[in-house]
Amino acid sequence: MALLIPIWFYGFDSAMYAIATLIGFFVSLQASRLYNVSNKKSHFYLYLGFIVLSMGFLTLTITSSYFYILFRASCATECHFAILDPHVGIDDVGYWLYYLSSLVAYALFIKMYLPEKTQFFQFIVLPFWYSGFLSFNLVSIFLLSFVVFRTVTNYMTNKNKVAFLVMLSFILLTLYHLLLFIALLSELFYVAAHLSLLFSFFTFLYMLTRAKIR
């Protein structure tokens, strides 16, 4: 299964992952401070989810940068790379770690919106993380759809700007995976996906500014 990446964009994706990593760690820090004040489980899972997700994007930053340096000389006008090569390499391991951490983080986000006594074992998603690019994005969309539904419901109930920003950020994060899922059809979807990712994390950052979390 090959992924189309425009040559002019190759390398910018690694920079976007790095930015997402920094913002994600900042969000987790702010969520940790909020949890210390409120002692709410939702704030704890927000903190834990973002720190796990940021670790995944840190791994993806390193892996994609390595991939770019290793293969940049072989690209002409487009880079056609298999997501998983027949022989497992360090790049495969890096992507698998990103898949794993992302799915665990999304499961933790689900726990933010479950009742206090509800048991939800996020490790039920783990068999999917090694199965490949398309499966990973499809499962991510499935998990995030619940979070999007709850954030939309919360916004419709509260009608405040912070709730809107939380809803928008999770919608953009879900759109990131949806665009990657169809990125095999056109290289433009790949670019749009990464823009959606960056806007999602910046929206989270702006939301924390509006919420005045200290």
C-alpha atoms as a PDB file:
ATOM      1  CA  MET A   1       0.000   0.000   0.000  1.00  0.00           C
ATOM      2  CA  ALA A   2       1.672   3.244  -1.165  1.00  0.00           C
ATOM      3  CA  LEU A   3       1.181   6.748   0.159  1.00  0.00           C
ATOM      4  CA  LEU A   4       1.522   9.764  -2.154  1.00  0.00           C
ATOM      5  CA  ILE A   5       3.562  12.613  -0.705  1.00  0.00           C
ATOM      6  CA  PRO A   6       4.346  15.726  -2.800  1.00  0.00           C
ATOM      7  CA  ILE A   7       8.092  16.276  -2.897  1.00  0.00           C
ATOM      8  CA  TRP A   8       7.777  19.960  -1.958  1.00  0.00           C
ATOM      9  CA  PHE A   9       5.953  18.987   1.254  1.00  0.00           C
ATOM     10  CA  TYR A  10       8.213  16.144   2.281  1.00  0.00           C
ATOM     11  CA  GLY A  11      10.054  17.274   5.427  1.00  0.00           C
ATOM     12  CA  PHE A  12       7.411  19.844   6.347  1.00  0.00           C
ATOM     13  CA  ASP A  13       5.373  17.001   7.831  1.00  0.00           C
ATOM     14  CA  SER A  14       8.233  16.244  10.243  1.00  0.00           C
ATOM     15  CA  ALA A  15       8.307  19.914  11.282  1.00  0.00           C
ATOM     16  CA  MET A  16       4.542  19.799  11.894  1.00  0.00           C
ATOM     17  CA  TYR A  17       4.941  16.703  14.051  1.00  0.00           C
ATOM     18  CA  ALA A  18       7.609  18.514  16.073  1.00  0.00           C
ATOM     19  CA  ILE A  19       5.317  21.511  16.601  1.00  0.00           C
ATOM     20  CA  ALA A  20       2.453  19.200  17.589  1.00  0.00           C
ATOM     21  CA  THR A  21       4.780  17.481  20.078  1.00  0.00           C
ATOM     22  CA  LEU A  22       5.736  20.755  21.775  1.00  0.00           C
ATOM     23  CA  ILE A  23       2.139  21.983  21.936  1.00  0.00           C
ATOM     24  CA  GLY A  24       0.969  18.583  23.201  1.00  0.00           C
ATOM     25  CA  PHE A  25       3.460  18.568  26.065  1.00  0.00           C
ATOM     26  CA  PHE A  26       2.377  22.110  26.961  1.00  0.00           C
ATOM     27  CA  VAL A  27      -1.287  21.072  26.941  1.00  0.00           C
ATOM     28  CA  SER A  28      -0.496  18.108  29.200  1.00  0.00           C
ATOM     29  CA  LEU A  29       1.387  20.418  31.592  1.00  0.00           C
ATOM     30  CA  GLN A  30      -1.540  22.805  31.800  1.00  0.00           C
ATOM     31  CA  ALA A  31      -3.997  19.924  32.234  1.00  0.00           C
ATOM     32  CA  SER A  32      -1.831  18.580  35.062  1.00  0.00           C
ATOM     33  CA  ARG A  33      -1.991  21.952  36.813  1.00  0.00           C
ATOM     34  CA  LEU A  34      -5.747  22.012  36.360  1.00  0.00           C
ATOM     35  CA  TYR A  35      -6.067  18.506  37.789  1.00  0.00           C
ATOM     36  CA  ASN A  36      -4.053  19.481  40.871  1.00  0.00           C
ATOM     37  CA  VAL A  37      -6.613  22.212  41.520  1.00  0.00           C
ATOM     38  CA  SER A  38      -9.861  20.468  40.536  1.00  0.00           C
ATOM     39  CA  ASN A  39      -8.999  16.800  41.248  1.00  0.00           C
ATOM     40  CA  LYS A  40     -11.430  15.815  38.453  1.00  0.00           C
ATOM     41  CA  LYS A  41     -10.850  12.558  36.589  1.00  0.00           C
ATOM     42  CA  SER A  42     -11.568  14.255  33.245  1.00  0.00           C
ATOM     43  CA  HIS A  43      -8.636  16.625  33.774  1.00  0.00           C
ATOM     44  CA  PHE A  44      -6.413  13.717  34.793  1.00  0.00           C
ATOM     45  CA  TYR A  45      -7.243  11.769  31.612  1.00  0.00           C
ATOM     46  CA  LEU A  46      -6.738  14.911  29.519  1.00  0.00           C
ATOM     47  CA  TYR A  47      -3.267  15.281  31.039  1.00  0.00           C
ATOM     48  CA  LEU A  48      -2.423  11.599  30.641  1.00  0.00           C
ATOM     49  CA  GLY A  49      -3.866  11.408  27.131  1.00  0.00           C
ATOM     50  CA  PHE A  50      -1.878  14.354  25.840  1.00  0.00           C
ATOM     51  CA  ILE A  51       1.382  13.263  27.377  1.00  0.00           C
ATOM     52  CA  VAL A  52       1.005   9.817  25.753  1.00  0.00           C
ATOM     53  CA  LEU A  53      -0.053  11.387  22.440  1.00  0.00           C
ATOM     54  CA  SER A  54       2.892  13.804  22.553  1.00  0.00           C
ATOM     55  CA  MET A  55       5.294  10.917  23.150  1.00  0.00           C
ATOM     56  CA  GLY A  56       3.831   9.300  20.056  1.00  0.00           C
ATOM     57  CA  PHE A  57       4.325  12.421  17.962  1.00  0.00           C
ATOM     58  CA  LEU A  58       7.877  12.754  19.298  1.00  0.00           C
ATOM     59  CA  THR A  59       8.545   9.229  18.031  1.00  0.00           C
ATOM     60  CA  LEU A  60       6.883  10.102  14.725  1.00  0.00           C
ATOM     61  CA  THR A  61       9.019  13.249  14.417  1.00  0.00           C
ATOM     62  CA  ILE A  62      12.213  11.259  14.841  1.00  0.00           C
ATOM     63  CA  THR A  63      11.050   8.450  12.551  1.00  0.00           C
ATOM     64  CA  SER A  64       9.789  10.676   9.728  1.00  0.00           C
ATOM     65  CA  SER A  65      12.939  12.837   9.894  1.00  0.00           C
ATOM     66  CA  TYR A  66      15.071   9.720   9.647  1.00  0.00           C
ATOM     67  CA  PHE A  67      12.929   8.489   6.754  1.00  0.00           C
ATOM     68  CA  TYR A  68      13.296  11.855   4.979  1.00  0.00           C
ATOM     69  CA  ILE A  69      17.074  11.985   5.344  1.00  0.00           C
ATOM     70  CA  LEU A  70      17.439   8.370   4.255  1.00  0.00           C
ATOM     71  CA  PHE A  71      15.273   8.565   1.141  1.00  0.00           C
ATOM     72  CA  ARG A  72      15.368  12.186  -0.042  1.00  0.00           C
ATOM     73  CA  ALA A  73      17.927  11.448  -2.765  1.00  0.00           C
ATOM     74  CA  SER A  74      15.645   8.824  -4.316  1.00  0.00           C
ATOM     75  CA  CYS A  75      12.672  11.167  -4.912  1.00  0.00           C
ATOM     76  CA  ALA A  76      12.079  12.782  -8.283  1.00  0.00           C
ATOM     77  CA  THR A  77       8.727  14.577  -8.403  1.00  0.00           C
ATOM     78  CA  GLU A  78       6.776  12.362  -6.009  1.00  0.00           C
ATOM     79  CA  CYS A  79       7.755   9.934  -3.278  1.00  0.00           C
ATOM     80  CA  HIS A  80       5.928   6.633  -3.412  1.00  0.00           C
ATOM     81  CA  PHE A  81       6.646   4.786  -0.188  1.00  0.00           C
ATOM     82  CA  ALA A  82       5.100   1.648   1.194  1.00  0.00           C
ATOM     83  CA  ILE A  83       3.802   2.203   4.699  1.00  0.00           C
ATOM     84  CA  LEU A  84       5.105  -1.197   5.731  1.00  0.00           C
ATOM     85  CA  ASP A  85       7.981  -2.757   3.849  1.00  0.00           C
ATOM     86  CA  PRO A  86       8.322  -6.529   3.494  1.00  0.00           C
ATOM     87  CA  HIS A  87      11.292  -6.399   5.871  1.00  0.00           C
ATOM     88  CA  VAL A  88      10.718  -4.716   9.213  1.00  0.00           C
ATOM     89  CA  GLY A  89      13.055  -1.766   9.741  1.00  0.00           C
ATOM     90  CA  ILE A  90      13.576   0.940  12.329  1.00  0.00           C
ATOM     91  CA  ASP A  91      11.070   3.140  10.490  1.00  0.00           C
ATOM     92  CA  ASP A  92       8.388   0.461  10.879  1.00  0.00           C
ATOM     93  CA  VAL A  93       9.029   0.222  14.615  1.00  0.00           C
ATOM     94  CA  GLY A  94       8.799   4.008  14.919  1.00  0.00           C
ATOM     95  CA  TYR A  95       5.432   4.112  13.168  1.00  0.00           C
ATOM     96  CA  TRP A  96       4.129   1.191  15.234  1.00  0.00           C
ATOM     97  CA  LEU A  97       5.041   3.036  18.452  1.00  0.00           C
ATOM     98  CA  TYR A  98       3.210   6.112  17.165  1.00  0.00           C
ATOM     99  CA  TYR A  99       0.157   4.006  16.290  1.00  0.00           C
ATOM    100  CA  LEU A 100       0.167   2.392  19.728  1.00  0.00           C
ATOM    101  CA  SER A 101       0.545   5.607  21.728  1.00  0.00           C
ATOM    102  CA  SER A 102      -2.116   7.379  19.665  1.00  0.00           C
ATOM    103  CA  LEU A 103      -4.727   4.671  20.190  1.00  0.00           C
ATOM    104  CA  VAL A 104      -4.023   4.543  23.923  1.00  0.00           C
ATOM    105  CA  ALA A 105      -4.301   8.348  24.091  1.00  0.00           C
ATOM    106  CA  TYR A 106      -7.633   8.340  22.238  1.00  0.00           C
ATOM    107  CA  ALA A 107      -8.935   5.666  24.601  1.00  0.00           C
ATOM    108  CA  LEU A 108      -7.935   7.902  27.523  1.00  0.00           C
ATOM    109  CA  PHE A 109      -9.831  10.789  25.909  1.00  0.00           C
ATOM    110  CA  ILE A 110     -12.902   8.550  25.819  1.00  0.00           C
ATOM    111  CA  LYS A 111     -12.533   7.953  29.551  1.00  0.00           C
ATOM    112  CA  MET A 112     -12.797  11.728  30.080  1.00  0.00           C
ATOM    113  CA  TYR A 113     -16.444  11.531  29.041  1.00  0.00           C
ATOM    114  CA  LEU A 114     -17.476   8.293  30.739  1.00  0.00           C
ATOM    115  CA  PRO A 115     -19.280   8.223  34.115  1.00  0.00           C
ATOM    116  CA  GLU A 116     -17.037   7.921  37.156  1.00  0.00           C
ATOM    117  CA  LYS A 117     -17.815   4.253  37.831  1.00  0.00           C
ATOM    118  CA  THR A 118     -17.777   3.093  34.226  1.00  0.00           C
ATOM    119  CA  GLN A 119     -15.020   0.609  33.469  1.00  0.00           C
ATOM    120  CA  PHE A 120     -13.339   0.991  30.087  1.00  0.00           C
ATOM    121  CA  PHE A 121     -10.244  -0.969  29.208  1.00  0.00           C
ATOM    122  CA  GLN A 122      -8.308   0.962  26.610  1.00  0.00           C
ATOM    123  CA  PHE A 123      -6.095  -1.995  25.884  1.00  0.00           C
ATOM    124  CA  ILE A 124      -8.872  -3.625  23.874  1.00  0.00           C
ATOM    125  CA  VAL A 125      -7.683  -1.423  20.991  1.00  0.00           C
ATOM    126  CA  LEU A 126      -4.113  -2.712  21.114  1.00  0.00           C
ATOM    127  CA  PRO A 127      -4.532  -5.609  18.630  1.00  0.00           C
ATOM    128  CA  PHE A 128      -5.179  -2.973  15.944  1.00  0.00           C
ATOM    129  CA  TRP A 129      -2.029  -0.905  16.309  1.00  0.00           C
ATOM    130  CA  TYR A 130       0.292  -3.222  14.395  1.00  0.00           C
ATOM    131  CA  SER A 131      -2.084  -4.032  11.547  1.00  0.00           C
ATOM    132  CA  GLY A 132      -1.164  -1.110   9.299  1.00  0.00           C
ATOM    133  CA  PHE A 133      -1.736   2.455   8.181  1.00  0.00           C
ATOM    134  CA  LEU A 134      -5.354   2.167   7.013  1.00  0.00           C
ATOM    135  CA  SER A 135      -6.470   0.111   9.995  1.00  0.00           C
ATOM    136  CA  PHE A 136      -4.839   2.540  12.411  1.00  0.00           C
ATOM    137  CA  ASN A 137      -6.570   5.568  10.931  1.00  0.00           C
ATOM    138  CA  LEU A 138      -9.924   3.800  10.737  1.00  0.00           C
ATOM    139  CA  VAL A 139      -9.754   2.742  14.400  1.00  0.00           C
ATOM    140  CA  SER A 140      -8.650   6.275  15.340  1.00  0.00           C
ATOM    141  CA  ILE A 141     -11.704   7.723  13.571  1.00  0.00           C
ATOM    142  CA  PHE A 142     -13.892   5.194  15.392  1.00  0.00           C
ATOM    143  CA  LEU A 143     -12.497   6.114  18.826  1.00  0.00           C
ATOM    144  CA  LEU A 144     -12.468   9.855  18.255  1.00  0.00           C
ATOM    145  CA  SER A 145     -16.033   9.845  16.919  1.00  0.00           C
ATOM    146  CA  PHE A 146     -17.262   9.151  20.449  1.00  0.00           C
ATOM    147  CA  VAL A 147     -15.209  12.046  21.819  1.00  0.00           C
ATOM    148  CA  VAL A 148     -16.490  14.346  19.063  1.00  0.00           C
ATOM    149  CA  PHE A 149     -20.072  13.319  19.831  1.00  0.00           C
ATOM    150  CA  ARG A 150     -19.626  14.133  23.518  1.00  0.00           C
ATOM    151  CA  THR A 151     -17.908  17.472  22.844  1.00  0.00           C
ATOM    152  CA  VAL A 152     -20.685  18.459  20.427  1.00  0.00           C
ATOM    153  CA  THR A 153     -23.274  17.509  23.055  1.00  0.00           C
ATOM    154  CA  ASN A 154     -21.385  19.484  25.680  1.00  0.00           C
ATOM    155  CA  TYR A 155     -21.217  22.544  23.446  1.00  0.00           C
ATOM    156  CA  MET A 156     -24.909  22.345  22.584  1.00  0.00           C
ATOM    157  CA  THR A 157     -25.651  22.271  26.323  1.00  0.00           C
ATOM    158  CA  ASN A 158     -23.242  24.943  27.546  1.00  0.00           C
ATOM    159  CA  LYS A 159     -22.895  27.229  24.504  1.00  0.00           C
ATOM    160  CA  ASN A 160     -19.613  28.774  25.680  1.00  0.00           C
ATOM    161  CA  LYS A 161     -16.432  29.519  23.754  1.00  0.00           C
ATOM    162  CA  VAL A 162     -14.229  27.066  25.635  1.00  0.00           C
ATOM    163  CA  ALA A 163     -16.631  24.201  24.891  1.00  0.00           C
ATOM    164  CA  PHE A 164     -16.677  25.254  21.236  1.00  0.00           C
ATOM    165  CA  LEU A 165     -12.871  25.251  21.028  1.00  0.00           C
ATOM    166  CA  VAL A 166     -12.648  21.802  22.637  1.00  0.00           C
ATOM    167  CA  MET A 167     -15.229  20.520  20.150  1.00  0.00           C
ATOM    168  CA  LEU A 168     -13.424  22.111  17.200  1.00  0.00           C
ATOM    169  CA  SER A 169     -10.030  20.749  18.220  1.00  0.00           C
ATOM    170  CA  PHE A 170     -11.299  17.169  18.436  1.00  0.00           C
ATOM    171  CA  ILE A 171     -13.181  17.533  15.131  1.00  0.00           C
ATOM    172  CA  LEU A 172      -9.961  18.701  13.461  1.00  0.00           C
ATOM    173  CA  LEU A 173      -8.019  15.826  15.023  1.00  0.00           C
ATOM    174  CA  THR A 174     -10.593  13.366  13.673  1.00  0.00           C
ATOM    175  CA  LEU A 175     -10.424  15.069  10.278  1.00  0.00           C
ATOM    176  CA  TYR A 176      -6.648  14.550  10.319  1.00  0.00           C
ATOM    177  CA  HIS A 177      -7.152  10.781  10.433  1.00  0.00           C
ATOM    178  CA  LEU A 178     -10.010  10.855   7.924  1.00  0.00           C
ATOM    179  CA  LEU A 179      -7.896  12.749   5.393  1.00  0.00           C
ATOM    180  CA  LEU A 180      -4.974  10.375   5.931  1.00  0.00           C
ATOM    181  CA  PHE A 181      -7.332   7.445   5.380  1.00  0.00           C
ATOM    182  CA  ILE A 182      -8.173   8.780   1.898  1.00  0.00           C
ATOM    183  CA  ALA A 183      -4.684  10.180   1.222  1.00  0.00           C
ATOM    184  CA  LEU A 184      -3.937   7.149  -0.939  1.00  0.00           C
ATOM    185  CA  LEU A 185      -6.208   8.758  -3.537  1.00  0.00           C
ATOM    186  CA  SER A 186      -4.466  12.121  -3.778  1.00  0.00           C
ATOM    187  CA  GLU A 187      -1.372  13.821  -2.394  1.00  0.00           C
ATOM    188  CA  LEU A 188      -3.489  16.894  -1.573  1.00  0.00           C
ATOM    189  CA  PHE A 189      -5.316  14.933   1.134  1.00  0.00           C
ATOM    190  CA  TYR A 190      -1.970  14.246   2.794  1.00  0.00           C
ATOM    191  CA  VAL A 191      -1.162  17.958   2.935  1.00  0.00           C
ATOM    192  CA  ALA A 192      -4.666  18.857   4.134  1.00  0.00           C
ATOM    193  CA  ALA A 193      -4.434  16.208   6.860  1.00  0.00           C
ATOM    194  CA  HIS A 194      -1.305  17.746   8.346  1.00  0.00           C
ATOM    195  CA  LEU A 195      -2.771  21.233   8.225  1.00  0.00           C
ATOM    196  CA  SER A 196      -5.800  19.874  10.088  1.00  0.00           C
ATOM    197  CA  LEU A 197      -3.505  18.319  12.701  1.00  0.00           C
ATOM    198  CA  LEU A 198      -1.665  21.577  13.255  1.00  0.00           C
ATOM    199  CA  PHE A 199      -4.879  23.601  13.509  1.00  0.00           C
ATOM    200  CA  SER A 200      -6.210  21.062  16.003  1.00  0.00           C
ATOM    201  CA  PHE A 201      -3.263  21.457  18.352  1.00  0.00           C
ATOM    202  CA  PHE A 202      -3.186  25.227  17.986  1.00  0.00           C
ATOM    203  CA  THR A 203      -6.902  25.273  18.822  1.00  0.00           C
ATOM    204  CA  PHE A 204      -6.170  23.328  21.990  1.00  0.00           C
ATOM    205  CA  LEU A 205      -3.460  25.844  22.831  1.00  0.00           C
ATOM    206  CA  TYR A 206      -5.792  28.770  22.197  1.00  0.00           C
ATOM    207  CA  MET A 207      -8.511  27.091  24.265  1.00  0.00           C
ATOM    208  CA  LEU A 208      -6.191  26.865  27.264  1.00  0.00           C
ATOM    209  CA  THR A 209      -5.354  30.555  26.834  1.00  0.00           C
ATOM    210  CA  ARG A 210      -9.058  31.416  26.800  1.00  0.00           C
ATOM    211  CA  ALA A 211      -9.716  29.162  29.774  1.00  0.00           C
ATOM    212  CA  LYS A 212      -6.888  30.915  31.655  1.00  0.00           C
ATOM    213  CA  ILE A 213      -5.533  27.716  33.141  1.00  0.00           C
ATOM    214  CA  ARG A 214      -2.628  28.466  35.491  1.00  0.00           C
END
